[in-house]
Protein backbone atom coordinates (compact mmCIF):
# COMPACT_ATOMS: atom_id res chain seq x y z
CA MET A 1 -14.72 5.64 14.13
CA THR A 2 -14.93 6.51 10.69
CA LYS A 3 -16.53 4.75 7.83
CA ARG A 4 -14.50 2.21 5.93
CA ARG A 5 -14.07 3.12 2.24
CA GLU A 6 -12.57 0.94 -0.39
CA LEU A 7 -9.95 2.73 -2.63
CA PRO A 8 -10.20 2.56 -6.44
CA ARG A 9 -8.20 -0.40 -8.35
CA TYR A 10 -6.55 0.10 -11.66
CA GLU A 11 -6.65 -2.64 -14.19
CA GLY A 12 -2.97 -2.63 -15.22
CA CYS A 13 -1.38 -2.03 -11.71
CA PHE A 14 0.97 -4.78 -10.50
CA VAL A 15 -0.14 -4.27 -7.04
CA CYS A 16 -3.90 -3.48 -7.14
CA GLY A 17 -4.79 -4.62 -10.48
CA ASP A 18 -7.99 -6.65 -11.46
CA PRO A 19 -7.10 -10.01 -12.07
CA SER A 20 -9.48 -10.37 -15.09
CA SER A 21 -7.06 -7.90 -17.05
CA ASN A 22 -3.92 -8.40 -15.01
CA PRO A 23 -3.51 -12.19 -13.89
CA SER A 24 -0.06 -11.10 -12.62
CA SER A 25 -1.26 -8.45 -10.11
CA LEU A 26 -1.11 -8.87 -6.35
CA GLN A 27 -4.68 -8.03 -6.29
CA LEU A 28 -4.48 -5.75 -3.22
CA ARG A 29 -7.67 -4.12 -2.01
CA CYS A 30 -6.80 -1.09 -0.03
CA TYR A 31 -9.31 0.92 2.32
CA LEU A 32 -9.28 3.97 4.20
CA GLU A 33 -10.37 3.71 7.77
CA ASP A 34 -9.71 6.19 10.73
CA GLY A 35 -7.20 8.11 8.79
CA GLU A 36 -5.22 5.57 7.70
CA VAL A 37 -4.94 3.37 4.61
CA LYS A 38 -5.06 -0.35 5.29
CA ALA A 39 -5.26 -3.64 3.49
CA ASP A 40 -4.88 -7.25 3.99
CA PHE A 41 -2.74 -9.70 1.97
CA VAL A 42 -2.32 -13.52 1.81
CA PRO A 43 1.10 -14.08 -0.28
CA ARG A 44 1.05 -17.14 -2.39
CA VAL A 45 3.81 -19.71 -3.02
CA GLU A 46 4.70 -17.60 -6.45
CA HIS A 47 5.39 -14.57 -4.24
CA ALA A 48 8.32 -16.39 -2.50
CA GLY A 49 12.13 -15.54 -3.20
CA TYR A 50 13.89 -18.13 -1.34
CA PRO A 51 11.61 -21.32 -0.55
CA ASP A 52 8.76 -20.52 1.74
CA ILE A 53 9.90 -16.89 2.54
CA VAL A 54 8.03 -14.02 0.85
CA HIS A 55 10.38 -12.25 -1.56
CA GLY A 56 11.21 -8.91 -0.04
CA GLY A 57 10.31 -7.02 -3.36
CA ILE A 58 6.71 -7.79 -2.86
CA LEU A 59 6.72 -6.60 0.60
CA VAL A 60 8.09 -3.53 -0.38
CA SER A 61 5.74 -3.06 -3.22
CA LEU A 62 2.74 -3.54 -0.72
CA LEU A 63 4.31 -1.11 1.47
CA ASP A 64 4.81 1.37 -1.39
CA GLU A 65 1.27 1.12 -2.68
CA ILE A 66 -0.38 1.89 0.68
CA SER A 67 2.03 4.69 1.32
CA ILE A 68 1.22 6.29 -1.92
CA TRP A 69 -2.60 6.04 -1.27
CA ALA A 70 -2.02 7.70 2.17
CA ALA A 71 -0.03 10.62 0.64
CA SER A 72 -2.52 11.07 -2.01
CA ILE A 73 -5.55 11.09 0.08
CA ALA A 74 -3.82 13.64 2.36
CA ALA A 75 -2.55 15.94 -0.59
CA ASP A 76 -6.05 15.32 -2.51
CA CYS A 77 -3.58 14.73 -5.58
CA PHE A 78 -2.04 11.45 -6.92
CA CYS A 79 1.64 11.20 -5.40
CA VAL A 80 4.77 9.77 -6.44
CA THR A 81 7.47 8.14 -4.23
CA ARG A 82 10.56 10.40 -3.96
CA GLU A 83 12.42 8.36 -1.49
CA PHE A 84 11.48 5.11 0.28
CA LYS A 85 13.42 3.33 3.25
CA VAL A 86 12.31 -0.21 4.52
CA LYS A 87 13.57 -2.25 7.37
CA PHE A 88 12.66 -5.93 7.55
CA PHE A 89 12.14 -7.73 10.93
CA LYS A 90 10.85 -11.18 10.19
CA PRO A 91 10.21 -13.40 7.40
CA ALA A 92 6.71 -13.57 5.70
CA ARG A 93 5.43 -17.07 4.45
CA PRO A 94 3.13 -17.81 1.82
CA GLY A 95 -0.23 -18.37 3.12
CA ASP A 96 0.43 -16.00 6.30
CA ARG A 97 -2.37 -13.25 6.50
CA LEU A 98 -0.57 -10.03 6.59
CA SER A 99 -2.13 -6.63 7.70
CA LEU A 100 -1.06 -3.32 6.37
CA ALA A 101 -1.35 0.03 7.52
CA ALA A 102 0.19 3.53 6.55
CA LYS A 103 -0.36 6.89 7.71
CA VAL A 104 0.95 10.52 6.90
CA THR A 105 3.20 11.83 9.44
CA GLU A 106 4.17 15.07 7.90
CA ARG A 107 2.86 17.50 5.51
CA GLY A 108 4.51 20.06 3.32
CA ARG A 109 5.86 20.04 -0.10
CA LEU A 110 6.58 16.35 0.49
CA LEU A 111 4.34 14.14 2.46
CA ALA A 112 6.15 11.75 4.76
CA VAL A 113 4.32 8.44 5.42
CA GLN A 114 5.12 5.60 7.68
CA ALA A 115 3.88 2.17 7.01
CA VAL A 116 3.81 -1.23 8.61
CA ILE A 117 3.20 -5.02 7.54
CA LYS A 118 2.34 -7.25 10.51
CA ASN A 119 1.56 -11.16 10.57
CA ALA A 120 -1.66 -12.67 12.02
CA GLN A 121 0.21 -12.83 15.59
CA GLY A 122 0.85 -9.19 15.35
CA ASP A 123 4.68 -9.51 14.78
CA VAL A 124 6.06 -6.69 12.61
CA ILE A 125 7.21 -8.01 9.29
CA ALA A 126 8.57 -4.67 7.69
CA ARG A 127 8.18 -1.15 8.39
CA SER A 128 8.88 1.71 5.79
CA VAL A 129 9.38 5.67 5.73
CA GLY A 130 8.96 7.58 2.54
CA ARG A 131 8.37 10.84 1.21
CA PHE A 132 5.73 11.29 -1.43
CA PHE A 133 5.55 14.18 -4.13
CA PRO A 134 1.98 15.51 -5.09
CA ALA A 135 2.33 15.09 -8.93
CA PHE A 136 -1.24 14.39 -10.79
CA LYS A 137 -3.85 16.54 -9.53
CA GLU A 138 -5.97 16.40 -12.85
CA GLU A 139 -6.10 12.57 -12.92
CA TRP A 140 -6.93 12.60 -9.11
CA GLU A 141 -9.94 14.65 -9.83
CA GLN A 142 -11.03 12.51 -12.61
CA ARG A 143 -10.39 8.97 -11.24
CA VAL A 144 -10.65 9.19 -7.30
CA LYS A 145 -12.27 12.65 -5.74
CA GLN A 146 -15.80 11.79 -6.24
CA ASN A 147 -15.42 8.37 -5.00
CA LEU A 148 -13.88 9.70 -1.63
CA THR A 149 -16.52 12.39 -0.96
């Protein structure tokens, strides 16, 4: 088992932003553990689309965020999303504790990442498959690399 390492947050980010500078942020805290990027999230009432069901766009944003981190760590460079597909299986509800995990499944010019969201009972809420392009090496070196080594 590897050490659990928290990944950085960026003040203005919609998903991981610090609430003191971005009160609209989802405030996701991601970490690296055993070769996967993981996170826990408890959606609030304001994250609902239809009453008592978390908006699909919120779930997609969470999956994209952890997938980008998984690809970026594998590439040693900030990545951007090239394509992203999501399948939804069950609704998530405000107040549910959701567990997220993402891992790289293919490496090449693009990195393929699979991610999943599960509820506290272990039911799969949504799965994603995406391809990510390494794009910002200098920014990675300046903002992240020293914190991961």
